[in-house]
PDB file of all heavy atoms in Angstrom:
ATOM      1  N   MET A   1       2.067 -17.340  -3.401  1.00  0.00           N
ATOM      2  CA  MET A   1       1.071 -17.079  -4.453  1.00  0.00           C
ATOM      3  C   MET A   1       1.712 -16.305  -5.617  1.00  0.00           C
ATOM      4  O   MET A   1       1.485 -16.635  -6.794  1.00  0.00           O
ATOM      5  CB  MET A   1      -0.122 -16.299  -3.891  1.00  0.00           C
ATOM      6  CG  MET A   1      -1.059 -17.193  -3.064  1.00  0.00           C
ATOM      7  SD  MET A   1      -2.688 -16.438  -2.723  1.00  0.00           S
ATOM      8  CE  MET A   1      -2.205 -15.205  -1.499  1.00  0.00           C
ATOM      9  N   CYS A   2       2.506 -15.268  -5.295  1.00  0.00           N
ATOM     10  CA  CYS A   2       3.154 -14.511  -6.373  1.00  0.00           C
ATOM     11  C   CYS A   2       4.088 -15.401  -7.176  1.00  0.00           C
ATOM     12  O   CYS A   2       4.157 -15.303  -8.414  1.00  0.00           O
ATOM     13  CB  CYS A   2       3.947 -13.337  -5.773  1.00  0.00           C
ATOM     14  SG  CYS A   2       2.900 -12.034  -5.112  1.00  0.00           S
ATOM     15  N   GLU A   3       4.818 -16.274  -6.523  1.00  0.00           N
ATOM     16  CA  GLU A   3       5.752 -17.146  -7.225  1.00  0.00           C
ATOM     17  C   GLU A   3       4.991 -18.220  -8.017  1.00  0.00           C
ATOM     18  O   GLU A   3       5.348 -18.477  -9.189  1.00  0.00           O
ATOM     19  CB  GLU A   3       6.661 -17.855  -6.203  1.00  0.00           C
ATOM     20  CG  GLU A   3       7.660 -16.927  -5.517  1.00  0.00           C
ATOM     21  CD  GLU A   3       8.743 -16.441  -6.472  1.00  0.00           C
ATOM     22  OE1 GLU A   3       9.137 -17.193  -7.355  1.00  0.00           O
ATOM     23  OE2 GLU A   3       9.239 -15.296  -6.257  1.00  0.00           O
ATOM     24  N   GLU A   4       3.939 -18.774  -7.457  1.00  0.00           N
ATOM     25  CA  GLU A   4       3.180 -19.808  -8.171  1.00  0.00           C
ATOM     26  C   GLU A   4       2.544 -19.260  -9.460  1.00  0.00           C
ATOM     27  O   GLU A   4       2.527 -19.960 -10.492  1.00  0.00           O
ATOM     28  CB  GLU A   4       2.094 -20.352  -7.275  1.00  0.00           C
ATOM     29  CG  GLU A   4       1.214 -21.464  -7.912  1.00  0.00           C
ATOM     30  CD  GLU A   4       0.112 -21.940  -7.005  1.00  0.00           C
ATOM     31  OE1 GLU A   4       0.101 -21.541  -5.812  1.00  0.00           O
ATOM     32  OE2 GLU A   4      -0.730 -22.742  -7.480  1.00  0.00           O
ATOM     33  N   PHE A   5       2.091 -18.037  -9.406  1.00  0.00           N
ATOM     34  CA  PHE A   5       1.398 -17.464 -10.572  1.00  0.00           C
ATOM     35  C   PHE A   5       2.347 -16.653 -11.465  1.00  0.00           C
ATOM     36  O   PHE A   5       1.912 -15.968 -12.395  1.00  0.00           O
ATOM     37  CB  PHE A   5       0.220 -16.580 -10.085  1.00  0.00           C
ATOM     38  CG  PHE A   5      -0.758 -17.315  -9.241  1.00  0.00           C
ATOM     39  CD1 PHE A   5      -1.347 -16.681  -8.154  1.00  0.00           C
ATOM     40  CD2 PHE A   5      -1.094 -18.646  -9.508  1.00  0.00           C
ATOM     41  CE1 PHE A   5      -2.245 -17.337  -7.313  1.00  0.00           C
ATOM     42  CE2 PHE A   5      -1.989 -19.292  -8.686  1.00  0.00           C
ATOM     43  CZ  PHE A   5      -2.565 -18.652  -7.597  1.00  0.00           C
ATOM     44  N   ALA A   6       3.653 -16.722 -11.124  1.00  0.00           N
ATOM     45  CA  ALA A   6       4.687 -16.052 -11.931  1.00  0.00           C
ATOM     46  C   ALA A   6       4.388 -14.545 -12.062  1.00  0.00           C
ATOM     47  O   ALA A   6       4.511 -13.966 -13.166  1.00  0.00           O
ATOM     48  CB  ALA A   6       4.844 -16.680 -13.336  1.00  0.00           C
ATOM     49  N   LEU A   7       4.069 -13.920 -10.967  1.00  0.00           N
ATOM     50  CA  LEU A   7       3.717 -12.488 -11.003  1.00  0.00           C
ATOM     51  C   LEU A   7       4.982 -11.666 -10.651  1.00  0.00           C
ATOM     52  O   LEU A   7       5.759 -12.030  -9.770  1.00  0.00           O
ATOM     53  CB  LEU A   7       2.649 -12.197  -9.897  1.00  0.00           C
ATOM     54  CG  LEU A   7       1.311 -12.864 -10.055  1.00  0.00           C
ATOM     55  CD1 LEU A   7       0.422 -12.517  -8.856  1.00  0.00           C
ATOM     56  CD2 LEU A   7       0.633 -12.439 -11.335  1.00  0.00           C
ATOM     57  N   PRO A   8       5.158 -10.587 -11.355  1.00  0.00           N
ATOM     58  CA  PRO A   8       6.236  -9.652 -10.978  1.00  0.00           C
ATOM     59  C   PRO A   8       5.810  -8.876  -9.696  1.00  0.00           C
ATOM     60  O   PRO A   8       4.705  -8.311  -9.649  1.00  0.00           O
ATOM     61  CB  PRO A   8       6.347  -8.715 -12.170  1.00  0.00           C
ATOM     62  CG  PRO A   8       5.009  -8.745 -12.836  1.00  0.00           C
ATOM     63  CD  PRO A   8       4.419 -10.120 -12.565  1.00  0.00           C
ATOM     64  N   TYR A   9       6.677  -8.903  -8.686  1.00  0.00           N
ATOM     65  CA  TYR A   9       6.311  -8.215  -7.453  1.00  0.00           C
ATOM     66  C   TYR A   9       7.514  -7.551  -6.828  1.00  0.00           C
ATOM     67  O   TYR A   9       8.675  -7.829  -7.190  1.00  0.00           O
ATOM     68  CB  TYR A   9       5.605  -9.158  -6.448  1.00  0.00           C
ATOM     69  CG  TYR A   9       6.438 -10.317  -5.939  1.00  0.00           C
ATOM     70  CD1 TYR A   9       6.929 -10.316  -4.650  1.00  0.00           C
ATOM     71  CD2 TYR A   9       6.708 -11.421  -6.713  1.00  0.00           C
ATOM     72  CE1 TYR A   9       7.678 -11.384  -4.127  1.00  0.00           C
ATOM     73  CE2 TYR A   9       7.413 -12.495  -6.253  1.00  0.00           C
ATOM     74  CZ  TYR A   9       7.910 -12.493  -4.973  1.00  0.00           C
ATOM     75  OH  TYR A   9       8.624 -13.560  -4.468  1.00  0.00           O
ATOM     76  N   VAL A  10       7.249  -6.668  -5.885  1.00  0.00           N
ATOM     77  CA  VAL A  10       8.257  -5.849  -5.231  1.00  0.00           C
ATOM     78  C   VAL A  10       8.036  -5.952  -3.715  1.00  0.00           C
ATOM     79  O   VAL A  10       6.898  -5.953  -3.276  1.00  0.00           O
ATOM     80  CB  VAL A  10       8.140  -4.386  -5.643  1.00  0.00           C
ATOM     81  CG1 VAL A  10       9.204  -3.526  -4.942  1.00  0.00           C
ATOM     82  CG2 VAL A  10       8.260  -4.233  -7.143  1.00  0.00           C
ATOM     83  N   MET A  11       9.126  -6.051  -2.969  1.00  0.00           N
ATOM     84  CA  MET A  11       9.007  -5.986  -1.500  1.00  0.00           C
ATOM     85  C   MET A  11       9.233  -4.581  -1.003  1.00  0.00           C
ATOM     86  O   MET A  11      10.292  -3.979  -1.273  1.00  0.00           O
ATOM     87  CB  MET A  11       9.944  -6.958  -0.834  1.00  0.00           C
ATOM     88  CG  MET A  11       9.538  -8.416  -0.942  1.00  0.00           C
ATOM     89  SD  MET A  11      10.380  -9.471   0.258  1.00  0.00           S
ATOM     90  CE  MET A  11       9.868 -11.073  -0.346  1.00  0.00           C
ATOM     91  N   VAL A  12       8.270  -4.065  -0.286  1.00  0.00           N
ATOM     92  CA  VAL A  12       8.306  -2.745   0.323  1.00  0.00           C
ATOM     93  C   VAL A  12       8.490  -2.898   1.823  1.00  0.00           C
ATOM     94  O   VAL A  12       7.688  -3.593   2.446  1.00  0.00           O
ATOM     95  CB  VAL A  12       7.045  -1.924   0.005  1.00  0.00           C
ATOM     96  CG1 VAL A  12       7.105  -0.550   0.701  1.00  0.00           C
ATOM     97  CG2 VAL A  12       6.829  -1.766  -1.480  1.00  0.00           C
ATOM     98  N   LEU A  13       9.550  -2.362   2.384  1.00  0.00           N
ATOM     99  CA  LEU A  13       9.845  -2.517   3.816  1.00  0.00           C
ATOM    100  C   LEU A  13       9.244  -1.274   4.560  1.00  0.00           C
ATOM    101  O   LEU A  13       9.674  -0.142   4.325  1.00  0.00           O
ATOM    102  CB  LEU A  13      11.349  -2.601   4.053  1.00  0.00           C
ATOM    103  CG  LEU A  13      12.093  -3.693   3.250  1.00  0.00           C
ATOM    104  CD1 LEU A  13      13.528  -3.755   3.728  1.00  0.00           C
ATOM    105  CD2 LEU A  13      11.428  -5.041   3.402  1.00  0.00           C
ATOM    106  N   THR A  14       8.280  -1.534   5.421  1.00  0.00           N
ATOM    107  CA  THR A  14       7.636  -0.469   6.157  1.00  0.00           C
ATOM    108  C   THR A  14       8.289  -0.314   7.541  1.00  0.00           C
ATOM    109  O   THR A  14       9.086  -1.143   7.990  1.00  0.00           O
ATOM    110  CB  THR A  14       6.138  -0.755   6.341  1.00  0.00           C
ATOM    111  OG1 THR A  14       5.988  -1.961   7.144  1.00  0.00           O
ATOM    112  CG2 THR A  14       5.473  -0.968   4.982  1.00  0.00           C
ATOM    113  N   LYS A  15       7.932   0.771   8.218  1.00  0.00           N
ATOM    114  CA  LYS A  15       8.317   1.066   9.575  1.00  0.00           C
ATOM    115  C   LYS A  15       9.823   1.140   9.773  1.00  0.00           C
ATOM    116  O   LYS A  15      10.369   0.733  10.806  1.00  0.00           O
ATOM    117  CB  LYS A  15       7.736   0.025  10.525  1.00  0.00           C
ATOM    118  CG  LYS A  15       6.195  -0.141  10.415  1.00  0.00           C
ATOM    119  CD  LYS A  15       5.672  -1.142  11.385  1.00  0.00           C
ATOM    120  CE  LYS A  15       4.196  -1.304  11.231  1.00  0.00           C
ATOM    121  NZ  LYS A  15       3.586  -2.297  12.197  1.00  0.00           N
ATOM    122  N   ILE A  16      10.561   1.665   8.764  1.00  0.00           N
ATOM    123  CA  ILE A  16      11.998   1.666   8.871  1.00  0.00           C
ATOM    124  C   ILE A  16      12.523   2.711   9.921  1.00  0.00           C
ATOM    125  O   ILE A  16      13.685   2.631  10.315  1.00  0.00           O
ATOM    126  CB  ILE A  16      12.668   1.951   7.524  1.00  0.00           C
ATOM    127  CG1 ILE A  16      12.379   3.380   7.037  1.00  0.00           C
ATOM    128  CG2 ILE A  16      12.277   0.917   6.479  1.00  0.00           C
ATOM    129  CD1 ILE A  16      13.181   3.777   5.835  1.00  0.00           C
ATOM    130  N   ASP A  17      11.609   3.561  10.350  1.00  0.00           N
ATOM    131  CA  ASP A  17      11.974   4.514  11.384  1.00  0.00           C
ATOM    132  C   ASP A  17      11.788   3.937  12.801  1.00  0.00           C
ATOM    133  O   ASP A  17      12.041   4.582  13.795  1.00  0.00           O
ATOM    134  CB  ASP A  17      11.182   5.804  11.270  1.00  0.00           C
ATOM    135  CG  ASP A  17       9.642   5.540  11.203  1.00  0.00           C
ATOM    136  OD1 ASP A  17       9.272   4.460  10.753  1.00  0.00           O
ATOM    137  OD2 ASP A  17       8.923   6.421  11.612  1.00  0.00           O
ATOM    138  N   LYS A  18      11.385   2.658  12.910  1.00  0.00           N
ATOM    139  CA  LYS A  18      11.121   2.038  14.174  1.00  0.00           C
ATOM    140  C   LYS A  18      12.305   1.210  14.657  1.00  0.00           C
ATOM    141  O   LYS A  18      12.255   0.608  15.771  1.00  0.00           O
ATOM    142  CB  LYS A  18       9.872   1.138  14.104  1.00  0.00           C
ATOM    143  CG  LYS A  18       8.596   1.797  13.653  1.00  0.00           C
ATOM    144  CD  LYS A  18       8.160   2.871  14.592  1.00  0.00           C
ATOM    145  CE  LYS A  18       6.807   3.507  14.150  1.00  0.00           C
ATOM    146  NZ  LYS A  18       6.394   4.579  15.047  1.00  0.00           N
ATOM    147  N   SER A  19      13.382   1.137  13.868  1.00  0.00           N
ATOM    148  CA  SER A  19      14.509   0.325  14.218  1.00  0.00           C
ATOM    149  C   SER A  19      15.775   1.162  14.233  1.00  0.00           C
ATOM    150  O   SER A  19      15.841   2.215  13.581  1.00  0.00           O
ATOM    151  CB  SER A  19      14.707  -0.845  13.240  1.00  0.00           C
ATOM    152  OG  SER A  19      13.584  -1.710  13.247  1.00  0.00           O
ATOM    153  N   SER A  20      16.811   0.680  14.923  1.00  0.00           N
ATOM    154  CA  SER A  20      18.111   1.300  14.830  1.00  0.00           C
ATOM    155  C   SER A  20      18.671   1.068  13.448  1.00  0.00           C
ATOM    156  O   SER A  20      18.266   0.121  12.766  1.00  0.00           O
ATOM    157  CB  SER A  20      19.038   0.727  15.911  1.00  0.00           C
ATOM    158  OG  SER A  20      19.329  -0.628  15.620  1.00  0.00           O
ATOM    159  N   LYS A  21      19.645   1.876  13.015  1.00  0.00           N
ATOM    160  CA  LYS A  21      20.257   1.667  11.723  1.00  0.00           C
ATOM    161  C   LYS A  21      20.898   0.283  11.626  1.00  0.00           C
ATOM    162  O   LYS A  21      20.812  -0.374  10.602  1.00  0.00           O
ATOM    163  CB  LYS A  21      21.318   2.752  11.480  1.00  0.00           C
ATOM    164  CG  LYS A  21      20.729   4.116  11.136  1.00  0.00           C
ATOM    165  CD  LYS A  21      20.018   4.114   9.797  1.00  0.00           C
ATOM    166  CE  LYS A  21      19.761   5.521   9.272  1.00  0.00           C
ATOM    167  NZ  LYS A  21      18.935   6.334  10.171  1.00  0.00           N
ATOM    168  N   GLY A  22      21.545  -0.154  12.699  1.00  0.00           N
ATOM    169  CA  GLY A  22      22.189  -1.461  12.682  1.00  0.00           C
ATOM    170  C   GLY A  22      21.221  -2.595  12.486  1.00  0.00           C
ATOM    171  O   GLY A  22      21.448  -3.516  11.662  1.00  0.00           O
ATOM    172  N   HIS A  23      20.090  -2.564  13.193  1.00  0.00           N
ATOM    173  CA  HIS A  23      19.060  -3.612  13.061  1.00  0.00           C
ATOM    174  C   HIS A  23      18.457  -3.571  11.668  1.00  0.00           C
ATOM    175  O   HIS A  23      18.248  -4.612  11.065  1.00  0.00           O
ATOM    176  CB  HIS A  23      17.984  -3.401  14.115  1.00  0.00           C
ATOM    177  CG  HIS A  23      16.856  -4.418  14.040  1.00  0.00           C
ATOM    178  ND1 HIS A  23      16.991  -5.734  14.455  1.00  0.00           N
ATOM    179  CD2 HIS A  23      15.605  -4.299  13.580  1.00  0.00           C
ATOM    180  CE1 HIS A  23      15.893  -6.375  14.243  1.00  0.00           C
ATOM    181  NE2 HIS A  23      15.012  -5.540  13.729  1.00  0.00           N
ATOM    182  N   LEU A  24      18.210  -2.371  11.163  1.00  0.00           N
ATOM    183  CA  LEU A  24      17.596  -2.229   9.845  1.00  0.00           C
ATOM    184  C   LEU A  24      18.526  -2.776   8.754  1.00  0.00           C
ATOM    185  O   LEU A  24      18.076  -3.488   7.846  1.00  0.00           O
ATOM    186  CB  LEU A  24      17.272  -0.781   9.574  1.00  0.00           C
ATOM    187  CG  LEU A  24      16.542  -0.469   8.247  1.00  0.00           C
ATOM    188  CD1 LEU A  24      15.259  -1.266   8.154  1.00  0.00           C
ATOM    189  CD2 LEU A  24      16.256   1.013   8.103  1.00  0.00           C
ATOM    190  N   VAL A  25      19.819  -2.467   8.837  1.00  0.00           N
ATOM    191  CA  VAL A  25      20.777  -2.980   7.857  1.00  0.00           C
ATOM    192  C   VAL A  25      20.758  -4.510   7.878  1.00  0.00           C
ATOM    193  O   VAL A  25      20.771  -5.169   6.827  1.00  0.00           O
ATOM    194  CB  VAL A  25      22.189  -2.417   8.125  1.00  0.00           C
ATOM    195  CG1 VAL A  25      23.226  -3.194   7.331  1.00  0.00           C
ATOM    196  CG2 VAL A  25      22.255  -0.952   7.770  1.00  0.00           C
ATOM    197  N   LYS A  26      20.758  -5.077   9.050  1.00  0.00           N
ATOM    198  CA  LYS A  26      20.740  -6.554   9.209  1.00  0.00           C
ATOM    199  C   LYS A  26      19.491  -7.131   8.536  1.00  0.00           C
ATOM    200  O   LYS A  26      19.573  -8.104   7.795  1.00  0.00           O
ATOM    201  CB  LYS A  26      20.773  -6.897  10.685  1.00  0.00           C
ATOM    202  CG  LYS A  26      20.770  -8.431  10.935  1.00  0.00           C
ATOM    203  CD  LYS A  26      20.811  -8.708  12.417  1.00  0.00           C
ATOM    204  CE  LYS A  26      20.758 -10.235  12.696  1.00  0.00           C
ATOM    205  NZ  LYS A  26      20.789 -10.552  14.159  1.00  0.00           N
ATOM    206  N   GLN A  27      18.339  -6.509   8.802  1.00  0.00           N
ATOM    207  CA  GLN A  27      17.090  -7.011   8.177  1.00  0.00           C
ATOM    208  C   GLN A  27      17.093  -6.885   6.697  1.00  0.00           C
ATOM    209  O   GLN A  27      16.670  -7.807   5.963  1.00  0.00           O
ATOM    210  CB  GLN A  27      15.877  -6.260   8.785  1.00  0.00           C
ATOM    211  CG  GLN A  27      15.576  -6.532  10.223  1.00  0.00           C
ATOM    212  CD  GLN A  27      14.870  -7.866  10.403  1.00  0.00           C
ATOM    213  OE1 GLN A  27      15.076  -8.806   9.654  1.00  0.00           O
ATOM    214  NE2 GLN A  27      14.037  -7.979  11.397  1.00  0.00           N
ATOM    215  N   VAL A  28      17.577  -5.751   6.188  1.00  0.00           N
ATOM    216  CA  VAL A  28      17.613  -5.515   4.740  1.00  0.00           C
ATOM    217  C   VAL A  28      18.502  -6.556   4.077  1.00  0.00           C
ATOM    218  O   VAL A  28      18.149  -7.152   3.049  1.00  0.00           O
ATOM    219  CB  VAL A  28      18.106  -4.085   4.425  1.00  0.00           C
ATOM    220  CG1 VAL A  28      18.428  -3.950   2.913  1.00  0.00           C
ATOM    221  CG2 VAL A  28      17.019  -3.069   4.801  1.00  0.00           C
ATOM    222  N   LEU A  29      19.662  -6.855   4.658  1.00  0.00           N
ATOM    223  CA  LEU A  29      20.567  -7.848   4.057  1.00  0.00           C
ATOM    224  C   LEU A  29      19.933  -9.247   4.076  1.00  0.00           C
ATOM    225  O   LEU A  29      20.071  -9.993   3.124  1.00  0.00           O
ATOM    226  CB  LEU A  29      21.905  -7.823   4.805  1.00  0.00           C
ATOM    227  CG  LEU A  29      22.775  -6.576   4.593  1.00  0.00           C
ATOM    228  CD1 LEU A  29      24.003  -6.651   5.496  1.00  0.00           C
ATOM    229  CD2 LEU A  29      23.224  -6.472   3.125  1.00  0.00           C
ATOM    230  N   GLN A  30      19.238  -9.584   5.164  1.00  0.00           N
ATOM    231  CA  GLN A  30      18.597 -10.907   5.258  1.00  0.00           C
ATOM    232  C   GLN A  30      17.493 -11.031   4.237  1.00  0.00           C
ATOM    233  O   GLN A  30      17.397 -12.067   3.572  1.00  0.00           O
ATOM    234  CB  GLN A  30      18.053 -11.099   6.701  1.00  0.00           C
ATOM    235  CG  GLN A  30      19.113 -11.372   7.733  1.00  0.00           C
ATOM    236  CD  GLN A  30      18.518 -11.526   9.132  1.00  0.00           C
ATOM    237  OE1 GLN A  30      17.337 -11.243   9.339  1.00  0.00           O
ATOM    238  NE2 GLN A  30      19.317 -12.027  10.071  1.00  0.00           N
ATOM    239  N   ILE A  31      16.669  -9.967   4.097  1.00  0.00           N
ATOM    240  CA  ILE A  31      15.557 -10.037   3.134  1.00  0.00           C
ATOM    241  C   ILE A  31      16.089 -10.014   1.724  1.00  0.00           C
ATOM    242  O   ILE A  31      15.587 -10.716   0.847  1.00  0.00           O
ATOM    243  CB  ILE A  31      14.571  -8.872   3.401  1.00  0.00           C
ATOM    244  CG1 ILE A  31      13.947  -9.030   4.787  1.00  0.00           C
ATOM    245  CG2 ILE A  31      13.495  -8.841   2.321  1.00  0.00           C
ATOM    246  CD1 ILE A  31      13.152  -7.818   5.224  1.00  0.00           C
ATOM    247  N   GLN A  32      17.139  -9.217   1.478  1.00  0.00           N
ATOM    248  CA  GLN A  32      17.776  -9.201   0.170  1.00  0.00           C
ATOM    249  C   GLN A  32      18.308 -10.538  -0.255  1.00  0.00           C
ATOM    250  O   GLN A  32      18.161 -10.999  -1.373  1.00  0.00           O
ATOM    251  CB  GLN A  32      18.871  -8.161   0.187  1.00  0.00           C
ATOM    252  CG  GLN A  32      19.562  -7.925  -1.165  1.00  0.00           C
ATOM    253  CD  GLN A  32      20.569  -6.793  -1.099  1.00  0.00           C
ATOM    254  OE1 GLN A  32      20.219  -5.637  -1.247  1.00  0.00           O
ATOM    255  NE2 GLN A  32      21.831  -7.167  -0.870  1.00  0.00           N
ATOM    256  N   LYS A  33      18.902 -11.264   0.740  1.00  0.00           N
ATOM    257  CA  LYS A  33      19.391 -12.606   0.472  1.00  0.00           C
ATOM    258  C   LYS A  33      18.256 -13.574   0.168  1.00  0.00           C
ATOM    259  O   LYS A  33      18.344 -14.427  -0.714  1.00  0.00           O
ATOM    260  CB  LYS A  33      20.220 -13.112   1.657  1.00  0.00           C
ATOM    261  CG  LYS A  33      20.817 -14.492   1.487  1.00  0.00           C
ATOM    262  CD  LYS A  33      21.651 -14.918   2.668  1.00  0.00           C
ATOM    263  CE  LYS A  33      22.235 -16.305   2.473  1.00  0.00           C
ATOM    264  NZ  LYS A  33      23.047 -16.739   3.640  1.00  0.00           N
ATOM    265  N   PHE A  34      17.142 -13.415   0.936  1.00  0.00           N
ATOM    266  CA  PHE A  34      15.981 -14.266   0.706  1.00  0.00           C
ATOM    267  C   PHE A  34      15.448 -14.058  -0.704  1.00  0.00           C
ATOM    268  O   PHE A  34      15.162 -15.021  -1.412  1.00  0.00           O
ATOM    269  CB  PHE A  34      14.885 -13.918   1.727  1.00  0.00           C
ATOM    270  CG  PHE A  34      13.602 -14.640   1.525  1.00  0.00           C
ATOM    271  CD1 PHE A  34      13.351 -15.852   2.122  1.00  0.00           C
ATOM    272  CD2 PHE A  34      12.573 -14.128   0.697  1.00  0.00           C
ATOM    273  CE1 PHE A  34      12.134 -16.528   1.944  1.00  0.00           C
ATOM    274  CE2 PHE A  34      11.399 -14.777   0.502  1.00  0.00           C
ATOM    275  CZ  PHE A  34      11.169 -15.996   1.100  1.00  0.00           C
ATOM    276  N   VAL A  35      15.353 -12.786  -1.118  1.00  0.00           N
ATOM    277  CA  VAL A  35      14.888 -12.508  -2.490  1.00  0.00           C
ATOM    278  C   VAL A  35      15.771 -13.139  -3.541  1.00  0.00           C
ATOM    279  O   VAL A  35      15.311 -13.686  -4.538  1.00  0.00           O
ATOM    280  CB  VAL A  35      14.771 -10.954  -2.688  1.00  0.00           C
ATOM    281  CG1 VAL A  35      14.513 -10.619  -4.138  1.00  0.00           C
ATOM    282  CG2 VAL A  35      13.647 -10.372  -1.830  1.00  0.00           C
ATOM    283  N   ALA A  36      17.084 -13.027  -3.323  1.00  0.00           N
ATOM    284  CA  ALA A  36      18.046 -13.545  -4.294  1.00  0.00           C
ATOM    285  C   ALA A  36      18.041 -15.034  -4.401  1.00  0.00           C
ATOM    286  O   ALA A  36      18.281 -15.608  -5.505  1.00  0.00           O
ATOM    287  CB  ALA A  36      19.443 -13.033  -3.989  1.00  0.00           C
ATOM    288  N   THR A  37      17.798 -15.724  -3.289  1.00  0.00           N
ATOM    289  CA  THR A  37      17.946 -17.192  -3.298  1.00  0.00           C
ATOM    290  C   THR A  37      16.641 -17.971  -3.259  1.00  0.00           C
ATOM    291  O   THR A  37      16.591 -19.153  -3.635  1.00  0.00           O
ATOM    292  CB  THR A  37      18.780 -17.595  -2.034  1.00  0.00           C
ATOM    293  OG1 THR A  37      18.106 -17.180  -0.842  1.00  0.00           O
ATOM    294  CG2 THR A  37      20.175 -17.029  -2.113  1.00  0.00           C
ATOM    295  N   LYS A  38      15.549 -17.330  -2.842  1.00  0.00           N
ATOM    296  CA  LYS A  38      14.274 -18.055  -2.663  1.00  0.00           C
ATOM    297  C   LYS A  38      13.156 -17.601  -3.591  1.00  0.00           C
ATOM    298  O   LYS A  38      12.074 -18.175  -3.566  1.00  0.00           O
ATOM    299  CB  LYS A  38      13.813 -17.904  -1.220  1.00  0.00           C
ATOM    300  CG  LYS A  38      14.781 -18.319  -0.125  1.00  0.00           C
ATOM    301  CD  LYS A  38      15.024 -19.838  -0.155  1.00  0.00           C
ATOM    302  CE  LYS A  38      15.914 -20.268   1.017  1.00  0.00           C
ATOM    303  NZ  LYS A  38      16.171 -21.703   1.005  1.00  0.00           N
TER     304      LYS A  38
END
């Protein structure tokens, strides 16, 4: 919906204290790649 309506938006990652640092880094890199390419 945000993309279709050309809205400026931000992704906020919640619950970052629920994961290990390694898992969190992996998720951040995956989501960052998604944002950059999709």
